[in-house]
Amino acid sequence: MTKKILHIVASPRGEASQSTKLANAYLDAATQADPSAMVDTLELWHEDLPEFDGDKAAAKMTFFGVGEMQSAERTAWDHVVEITTRFTDADVYVFSVPMWNGGIPYKLKHYIDIITQPGLLFGFDTQDGYFGLLEGKKAIVFYTSGVWSPGADAKYGSDFHSEYLGWWLDFVGIKDVGIGRFQPSLLTGDPEGDQKAAIENAIALSSELV
C-alpha cells in the first residue's frame, strides 16, 4: 500500500527555515527508503484558509446537541470537511514548526482550529469525555527556536510550543510521535555542528516512522 505523507509547513521563511531544513532531510531519507511514498506539502502561508466564523462554529455545536444545521451551516461544514479530508487521508504527518513568542505560528493554530472537529478528528461522550479518532497514524515534528531550549532558564522563555502541539496530537489520537529539535539556533556555541547533528537525527528518524 502506498504510504501518504503530509508535510505541514508552519514557517514562512522558505529555504531559510531551520525547521523546514530538518523536515526536508527527513523526507529525502524517507522517500529514498520507500520510493512509493507520496509526499503532499501543505504550505500554510500559501493556503487560503477560511475564517472559522459563526456558521462554522454553529455547525460544530450541532454535534453537541446545540441547534440543527441549516443551509448556511451545512455549506460551511462541507468546506471544513474538505480541508480536513486532506489531513485525514495521510498516514504520516511531518510538521515544520518554529517557535513564535513561546508558541506555534498563528497560521498553524488557525489550521488546527479548522480541522479539529467532532466526528472528524475527535469524538465525545458524557462518560468518557473526549477521545481521538486518528488511530494508526504517525507524526514527526521538527521544533526549532532561536533562544529557548529544553532545560533553559526561565529568562529565556517558556515552551507553549512543543507542549501544545504534543497535547493536540495526543488529543486527536496520534500516539506514535517522533521529535527532532534544533534549539537554540542563535545562542549555541557551535551552530553549524548542532545543525548537522539535528539533520543527522532527522535522517535517523526516517527509518523509525516510515
C-alpha atoms as a PDB file:
ATOM      1  CA  MET A   1       0.000   0.000   0.000  1.00  0.00           C
ATOM      2  CA  THR A   2       1.293   3.440  -0.922  1.00  0.00           C
ATOM      3  CA  LYS A   3       2.144   5.477   2.153  1.00  0.00           C
ATOM      4  CA  LYS A   4       0.873   9.054   2.132  1.00  0.00           C
ATOM      5  CA  ILE A   5       2.962  11.683   3.920  1.00  0.00           C
ATOM      6  CA  LEU A   6       1.566  15.158   4.607  1.00  0.00           C
ATOM      7  CA  HIS A   7       4.257  17.774   5.231  1.00  0.00           C
ATOM      8  CA  ILE A   8       2.732  20.728   7.061  1.00  0.00           C
ATOM      9  CA  VAL A   9       4.996  23.760   6.776  1.00  0.00           C
ATOM     10  CA  ALA A  10       4.332  26.305   9.518  1.00  0.00           C
ATOM     11  CA  SER A  11       7.274  28.600   8.710  1.00  0.00           C
ATOM     12  CA  PRO A  12       7.013  31.427   6.156  1.00  0.00           C
ATOM     13  CA  ARG A  13      10.814  31.596   5.688  1.00  0.00           C
ATOM     14  CA  GLY A  14      11.152  29.182   2.777  1.00  0.00           C
ATOM     15  CA  GLU A  15      14.664  27.820   2.292  1.00  0.00           C
ATOM     16  CA  ALA A  16      15.904  29.893   5.246  1.00  0.00           C
ATOM     17  CA  SER A  17      13.662  28.000   7.665  1.00  0.00           C
ATOM     18  CA  GLN A  18      15.594  25.780  10.056  1.00  0.00           C
ATOM     19  CA  SER A  19      12.562  23.609  10.824  1.00  0.00           C
ATOM     20  CA  THR A  20      11.892  23.050   7.123  1.00  0.00           C
ATOM     21  CA  LYS A  21      15.522  22.085   6.536  1.00  0.00           C
ATOM     22  CA  LEU A  22      15.149  19.334   9.127  1.00  0.00           C
ATOM     23  CA  ALA A  23      11.842  18.179   7.682  1.00  0.00           C
ATOM     24  CA  ASN A  24      13.255  18.075   4.156  1.00  0.00           C
ATOM     25  CA  ALA A  25      16.206  15.972   5.337  1.00  0.00           C
ATOM     26  CA  TYR A  26      13.719  13.551   6.882  1.00  0.00           C
ATOM     27  CA  LEU A  27      11.553  13.464   3.751  1.00  0.00           C
ATOM     28  CA  ASP A  28      14.514  12.917   1.428  1.00  0.00           C
ATOM     29  CA  ALA A  29      15.639   9.949   3.512  1.00  0.00           C
ATOM     30  CA  ALA A  30      12.117   8.577   3.891  1.00  0.00           C
ATOM     31  CA  THR A  31      11.346   8.665   0.185  1.00  0.00           C
ATOM     32  CA  GLN A  32      14.702   7.102  -0.649  1.00  0.00           C
ATOM     33  CA  ALA A  33      13.876   4.270   1.733  1.00  0.00           C
ATOM     34  CA  ASP A  34      10.363   3.948   0.294  1.00  0.00           C
ATOM     35  CA  PRO A  35      10.226   5.340  -3.274  1.00  0.00           C
ATOM     36  CA  SER A  36       6.491   4.564  -3.464  1.00  0.00           C
ATOM     37  CA  ALA A  37       5.703   7.004  -0.649  1.00  0.00           C
ATOM     38  CA  MET A  38       3.735  10.070  -1.756  1.00  0.00           C
ATOM     39  CA  VAL A  39       4.509  13.463  -0.205  1.00  0.00           C
ATOM     40  CA  ASP A  40       1.850  16.172  -0.126  1.00  0.00           C
ATOM     41  CA  THR A  41       3.260  19.522   1.011  1.00  0.00           C
ATOM     42  CA  LEU A  42       0.871  21.917   2.714  1.00  0.00           C
ATOM     43  CA  GLU A  43       2.422  25.391   2.809  1.00  0.00           C
ATOM     44  CA  LEU A  44       0.202  27.094   5.357  1.00  0.00           C
ATOM     45  CA  TRP A  45       1.389  30.561   4.346  1.00  0.00           C
ATOM     46  CA  HIS A  46       0.293  29.929   0.762  1.00  0.00           C
ATOM     47  CA  GLU A  47      -3.089  28.420   1.660  1.00  0.00           C
ATOM     48  CA  ASP A  48      -6.301  30.429   1.600  1.00  0.00           C
ATOM     49  CA  LEU A  49      -7.547  29.156   4.949  1.00  0.00           C
ATOM     50  CA  PRO A  50     -11.124  30.222   5.713  1.00  0.00           C
ATOM     51  CA  GLU A  51     -12.073  32.029   8.870  1.00  0.00           C
ATOM     52  CA  PHE A  52     -13.667  29.782  11.458  1.00  0.00           C
ATOM     53  CA  ASP A  53     -16.671  32.064  11.611  1.00  0.00           C
ATOM     54  CA  GLY A  54     -20.138  31.933  13.122  1.00  0.00           C
ATOM     55  CA  ASP A  55     -21.616  29.476  10.605  1.00  0.00           C
ATOM     56  CA  LYS A  56     -18.766  27.016  11.124  1.00  0.00           C
ATOM     57  CA  ALA A  57     -18.959  27.377  14.889  1.00  0.00           C
ATOM     58  CA  ALA A  58     -22.741  26.862  14.785  1.00  0.00           C
ATOM     59  CA  ALA A  59     -22.305  23.747  12.631  1.00  0.00           C
ATOM     60  CA  LYS A  60     -19.758  22.363  15.104  1.00  0.00           C
ATOM     61  CA  MET A  61     -22.070  22.901  18.059  1.00  0.00           C
ATOM     62  CA  THR A  62     -24.817  20.790  16.468  1.00  0.00           C
ATOM     63  CA  PHE A  63     -22.632  17.758  17.222  1.00  0.00           C
ATOM     64  CA  PHE A  64     -23.023  18.651  20.905  1.00  0.00           C
ATOM     65  CA  GLY A  65     -26.792  18.909  20.600  1.00  0.00           C
ATOM     66  CA  VAL A  66     -26.985  22.671  20.141  1.00  0.00           C
ATOM     67  CA  GLY A  67     -29.376  23.547  17.304  1.00  0.00           C
ATOM     68  CA  GLU A  68     -29.572  21.994  13.833  1.00  0.00           C
ATOM     69  CA  MET A  69     -27.593  22.635  10.665  1.00  0.00           C
ATOM     70  CA  GLN A  70     -29.328  24.957   8.241  1.00  0.00           C
ATOM     71  CA  SER A  71     -28.146  25.518   4.660  1.00  0.00           C
ATOM     72  CA  ALA A  72     -25.537  28.129   5.586  1.00  0.00           C
ATOM     73  CA  GLU A  73     -24.112  25.969   8.342  1.00  0.00           C
ATOM     74  CA  ARG A  74     -24.121  22.891   6.075  1.00  0.00           C
ATOM     75  CA  THR A  75     -22.174  24.746   3.375  1.00  0.00           C
ATOM     76  CA  ALA A  76     -19.679  25.981   5.950  1.00  0.00           C
ATOM     77  CA  TRP A  77     -19.304  22.471   7.392  1.00  0.00           C
ATOM     78  CA  ASP A  78     -18.744  20.942   3.944  1.00  0.00           C
ATOM     79  CA  HIS A  79     -15.803  23.335   3.496  1.00  0.00           C
ATOM     80  CA  VAL A  80     -14.354  22.233   6.831  1.00  0.00           C
ATOM     81  CA  VAL A  81     -14.740  18.577   5.834  1.00  0.00           C
ATOM     82  CA  GLU A  82     -12.986  19.220   2.523  1.00  0.00           C
ATOM     83  CA  ILE A  83      -9.964  20.775   4.242  1.00  0.00           C
ATOM     84  CA  THR A  84      -9.890  18.114   6.947  1.00  0.00           C
ATOM     85  CA  THR A  85     -10.079  15.216   4.481  1.00  0.00           C
ATOM     86  CA  ARG A  86      -6.716  16.225   3.037  1.00  0.00           C
ATOM     87  CA  PHE A  87      -5.340  15.810   6.547  1.00  0.00           C
ATOM     88  CA  THR A  88      -7.063  12.562   7.473  1.00  0.00           C
ATOM     89  CA  ASP A  89      -6.121  10.927   4.153  1.00  0.00           C
ATOM     90  CA  ALA A  90      -2.448  10.938   5.188  1.00  0.00           C
ATOM     91  CA  ASP A  91      -0.715   8.082   7.006  1.00  0.00           C
ATOM     92  CA  VAL A  92       2.244  10.090   8.304  1.00  0.00           C
ATOM     93  CA  TYR A  93       2.371  13.756   9.295  1.00  0.00           C
ATOM     94  CA  VAL A  94       5.574  15.784   9.160  1.00  0.00           C
ATOM     95  CA  PHE A  95       5.439  19.186  10.841  1.00  0.00           C
ATOM     96  CA  SER A  96       7.954  22.030  10.427  1.00  0.00           C
ATOM     97  CA  VAL A  97       7.301  24.210  13.473  1.00  0.00           C
ATOM     98  CA  PRO A  98       9.365  27.225  14.542  1.00  0.00           C
ATOM     99  CA  MET A  99       8.700  28.780  17.943  1.00  0.00           C
ATOM    100  CA  TRP A 100       6.913  32.118  17.831  1.00  0.00           C
ATOM    101  CA  ASN A 101       6.597  34.037  21.101  1.00  0.00           C
ATOM    102  CA  GLY A 102       6.790  30.839  23.106  1.00  0.00           C
ATOM    103  CA  GLY A 103       4.153  29.066  21.000  1.00  0.00           C
ATOM    104  CA  ILE A 104       3.346  27.888  17.486  1.00  0.00           C
ATOM    105  CA  PRO A 105       2.902  30.217  14.474  1.00  0.00           C
ATOM    106  CA  TYR A 106      -0.631  31.546  14.206  1.00  0.00           C
ATOM    107  CA  LYS A 107      -1.121  30.010  10.761  1.00  0.00           C
ATOM    108  CA  LEU A 108      -0.674  26.556  12.263  1.00  0.00           C
ATOM    109  CA  LYS A 109      -3.073  27.367  15.118  1.00  0.00           C
ATOM    110  CA  HIS A 110      -5.592  28.594  12.534  1.00  0.00           C
ATOM    111  CA  TYR A 111      -5.280  25.332  10.603  1.00  0.00           C
ATOM    112  CA  ILE A 112      -5.618  23.254  13.780  1.00  0.00           C
ATOM    113  CA  ASP A 113      -8.755  25.174  14.766  1.00  0.00           C
ATOM    114  CA  ILE A 114     -10.319  24.434  11.371  1.00  0.00           C
ATOM    115  CA  ILE A 115      -9.660  20.693  11.292  1.00  0.00           C
ATOM    116  CA  THR A 116     -10.107  19.777  14.974  1.00  0.00           C
ATOM    117  CA  GLN A 117     -13.779  18.935  14.754  1.00  0.00           C
ATOM    118  CA  PRO A 118     -16.137  16.389  16.329  1.00  0.00           C
ATOM    119  CA  GLY A 119     -16.681  13.338  14.171  1.00  0.00           C
ATOM    120  CA  LEU A 120     -13.622  14.194  12.077  1.00  0.00           C
ATOM    121  CA  LEU A 121     -10.627  14.235  14.450  1.00  0.00           C
ATOM    122  CA  PHE A 122     -12.225  13.552  17.821  1.00  0.00           C
ATOM    123  CA  GLY A 123     -15.280  12.101  19.470  1.00  0.00           C
ATOM    124  CA  PHE A 124     -17.027  12.897  22.722  1.00  0.00           C
ATOM    125  CA  ASP A 125     -19.422  11.268  25.139  1.00  0.00           C
ATOM    126  CA  THR A 126     -20.540  12.278  28.592  1.00  0.00           C
ATOM    127  CA  GLN A 127     -18.966   9.266  30.328  1.00  0.00           C
ATOM    128  CA  ASP A 128     -15.568   9.011  28.605  1.00  0.00           C
ATOM    129  CA  GLY A 129     -15.171  12.653  27.568  1.00  0.00           C
ATOM    130  CA  TYR A 130     -13.004  13.378  24.530  1.00  0.00           C
ATOM    131  CA  PHE A 131     -11.273  10.667  22.503  1.00  0.00           C
ATOM    132  CA  GLY A 132      -9.142  10.882  19.352  1.00  0.00           C
ATOM    133  CA  LEU A 133     -10.189   9.300  16.062  1.00  0.00           C
ATOM    134  CA  LEU A 134      -6.840   9.155  14.245  1.00  0.00           C
ATOM    135  CA  GLU A 135      -5.762   5.670  15.256  1.00  0.00           C
ATOM    136  CA  GLY A 136      -2.795   4.118  13.470  1.00  0.00           C
ATOM    137  CA  LYS A 137      -1.353   7.443  12.286  1.00  0.00           C
ATOM    138  CA  LYS A 138       2.221   8.582  12.843  1.00  0.00           C
ATOM    139  CA  ALA A 139       3.760  12.027  13.217  1.00  0.00           C
ATOM    140  CA  ILE A 140       7.230  13.520  13.197  1.00  0.00           C
ATOM    141  CA  VAL A 141       7.597  17.079  14.443  1.00  0.00           C
ATOM    142  CA  PHE A 142      10.608  19.320  13.915  1.00  0.00           C
ATOM    143  CA  TYR A 143      10.821  22.045  16.533  1.00  0.00           C
ATOM    144  CA  THR A 144      13.187  24.983  16.190  1.00  0.00           C
ATOM    145  CA  SER A 145      13.719  28.141  18.213  1.00  0.00           C
ATOM    146  CA  GLY A 146      16.246  30.923  18.394  1.00  0.00           C
ATOM    147  CA  VAL A 147      16.667  31.334  22.148  1.00  0.00           C
ATOM    148  CA  TRP A 148      14.583  28.863  24.178  1.00  0.00           C
ATOM    149  CA  SER A 149      15.783  25.276  24.546  1.00  0.00           C
ATOM    150  CA  PRO A 150      14.748  22.358  26.783  1.00  0.00           C
ATOM    151  CA  GLY A 151      16.002  22.937  30.311  1.00  0.00           C
ATOM    152  CA  ALA A 152      16.808  26.600  29.710  1.00  0.00           C
ATOM    153  CA  ASP A 153      16.476  29.157  32.488  1.00  0.00           C
ATOM    154  CA  ALA A 154      13.101  30.922  32.650  1.00  0.00           C
ATOM    155  CA  LYS A 155      14.729  34.165  31.483  1.00  0.00           C
ATOM    156  CA  TYR A 156      14.991  32.576  28.009  1.00  0.00           C
ATOM    157  CA  GLY A 157      11.244  31.973  27.734  1.00  0.00           C
ATOM    158  CA  SER A 158       8.699  29.190  28.128  1.00  0.00           C
ATOM    159  CA  ASP A 159       7.530  26.286  25.998  1.00  0.00           C
ATOM    160  CA  PHE A 160       3.938  26.593  24.830  1.00  0.00           C
ATOM    161  CA  HIS A 161       5.313  25.233  21.543  1.00  0.00           C
ATOM    162  CA  SER A 162       6.037  21.524  21.817  1.00  0.00           C
ATOM    163  CA  GLU A 163       3.853  21.283  24.930  1.00  0.00           C
ATOM    164  CA  TYR A 164       0.800  22.470  22.997  1.00  0.00           C
ATOM    165  CA  LEU A 165       1.403  20.529  19.791  1.00  0.00           C
ATOM    166  CA  GLY A 166       2.216  17.368  21.734  1.00  0.00           C
ATOM    167  CA  TRP A 167      -1.063  17.733  23.638  1.00  0.00           C
ATOM    168  CA  TRP A 168      -3.009  18.274  20.403  1.00  0.00           C
ATOM    169  CA  LEU A 169      -1.520  15.232  18.649  1.00  0.00           C
ATOM    170  CA  ASP A 170      -2.490  13.085  21.620  1.00  0.00           C
ATOM    171  CA  PHE A 171      -5.952  14.679  21.735  1.00  0.00           C
ATOM    172  CA  VAL A 172      -6.745  13.639  18.139  1.00  0.00           C
ATOM    173  CA  GLY A 173      -5.389  10.125  18.674  1.00  0.00           C
ATOM    174  CA  ILE A 174      -1.858  10.283  17.219  1.00  0.00           C
ATOM    175  CA  LYS A 175       0.252   8.393  19.734  1.00  0.00           C
ATOM    176  CA  ASP A 176       3.271   7.437  17.593  1.00  0.00           C
ATOM    177  CA  VAL A 177       5.238  10.697  17.550  1.00  0.00           C
ATOM    178  CA  GLY A 178       8.901  11.319  16.762  1.00  0.00           C
ATOM    179  CA  ILE A 179      10.579  14.615  17.627  1.00  0.00           C
ATOM    180  CA  GLY A 180      13.526  16.436  16.118  1.00  0.00           C
ATOM    181  CA  ARG A 181      14.912  19.659  17.567  1.00  0.00           C
ATOM    182  CA  PHE A 182      17.356  22.418  16.705  1.00  0.00           C
ATOM    183  CA  GLN A 183      17.082  24.598  19.806  1.00  0.00           C
ATOM    184  CA  PRO A 184      18.552  27.094  20.263  1.00  0.00           C
ATOM    185  CA  SER A 185      19.771  28.151  16.850  1.00  0.00           C
ATOM    186  CA  LEU A 186      21.065  31.600  17.909  1.00  0.00           C
ATOM    187  CA  LEU A 187      22.739  31.037  21.275  1.00  0.00           C
ATOM    188  CA  THR A 188      24.531  27.771  20.562  1.00  0.00           C
ATOM    189  CA  GLY A 189      28.309  27.870  20.632  1.00  0.00           C
ATOM    190  CA  ASP A 190      28.524  25.603  17.584  1.00  0.00           C
ATOM    191  CA  PRO A 191      25.577  26.418  15.261  1.00  0.00           C
ATOM    192  CA  GLU A 192      26.934  24.509  12.282  1.00  0.00           C
ATOM    193  CA  GLY A 193      27.762  21.451  14.365  1.00  0.00           C
ATOM    194  CA  ASP A 194      24.418  21.498  16.160  1.00  0.00           C
ATOM    195  CA  GLN A 195      22.536  21.904  12.890  1.00  0.00           C
ATOM    196  CA  LYS A 196      24.452  18.997  11.355  1.00  0.00           C
ATOM    197  CA  ALA A 197      23.590  16.827  14.361  1.00  0.00           C
ATOM    198  CA  ALA A 198      19.917  17.840  14.098  1.00  0.00           C
ATOM    199  CA  ILE A 199      19.846  16.909  10.406  1.00  0.00           C
ATOM    200  CA  GLU A 200      21.508  13.568  11.132  1.00  0.00           C
ATOM    201  CA  ASN A 201      18.844  12.929  13.771  1.00  0.00           C
ATOM    202  CA  ALA A 202      16.120  13.812  11.260  1.00  0.00           C
ATOM    203  CA  ILE A 203      17.518  11.253   8.819  1.00  0.00           C
ATOM    204  CA  ALA A 204      17.690   8.643  11.571  1.00  0.00           C
ATOM    205  CA  LEU A 205      14.043   9.284  12.472  1.00  0.00           C
ATOM    206  CA  SER A 206      13.001   8.385   8.919  1.00  0.00           C
ATOM    207  CA  SER A 207      13.909   4.758   9.478  1.00  0.00           C
ATOM    208  CA  GLU A 208      11.675   4.606  12.557  1.00  0.00           C
ATOM    209  CA  LEU A 209       8.497   6.169  11.214  1.00  0.00           C
ATOM    210  CA  VAL A 210       8.328   5.236   7.532  1.00  0.00           C
END
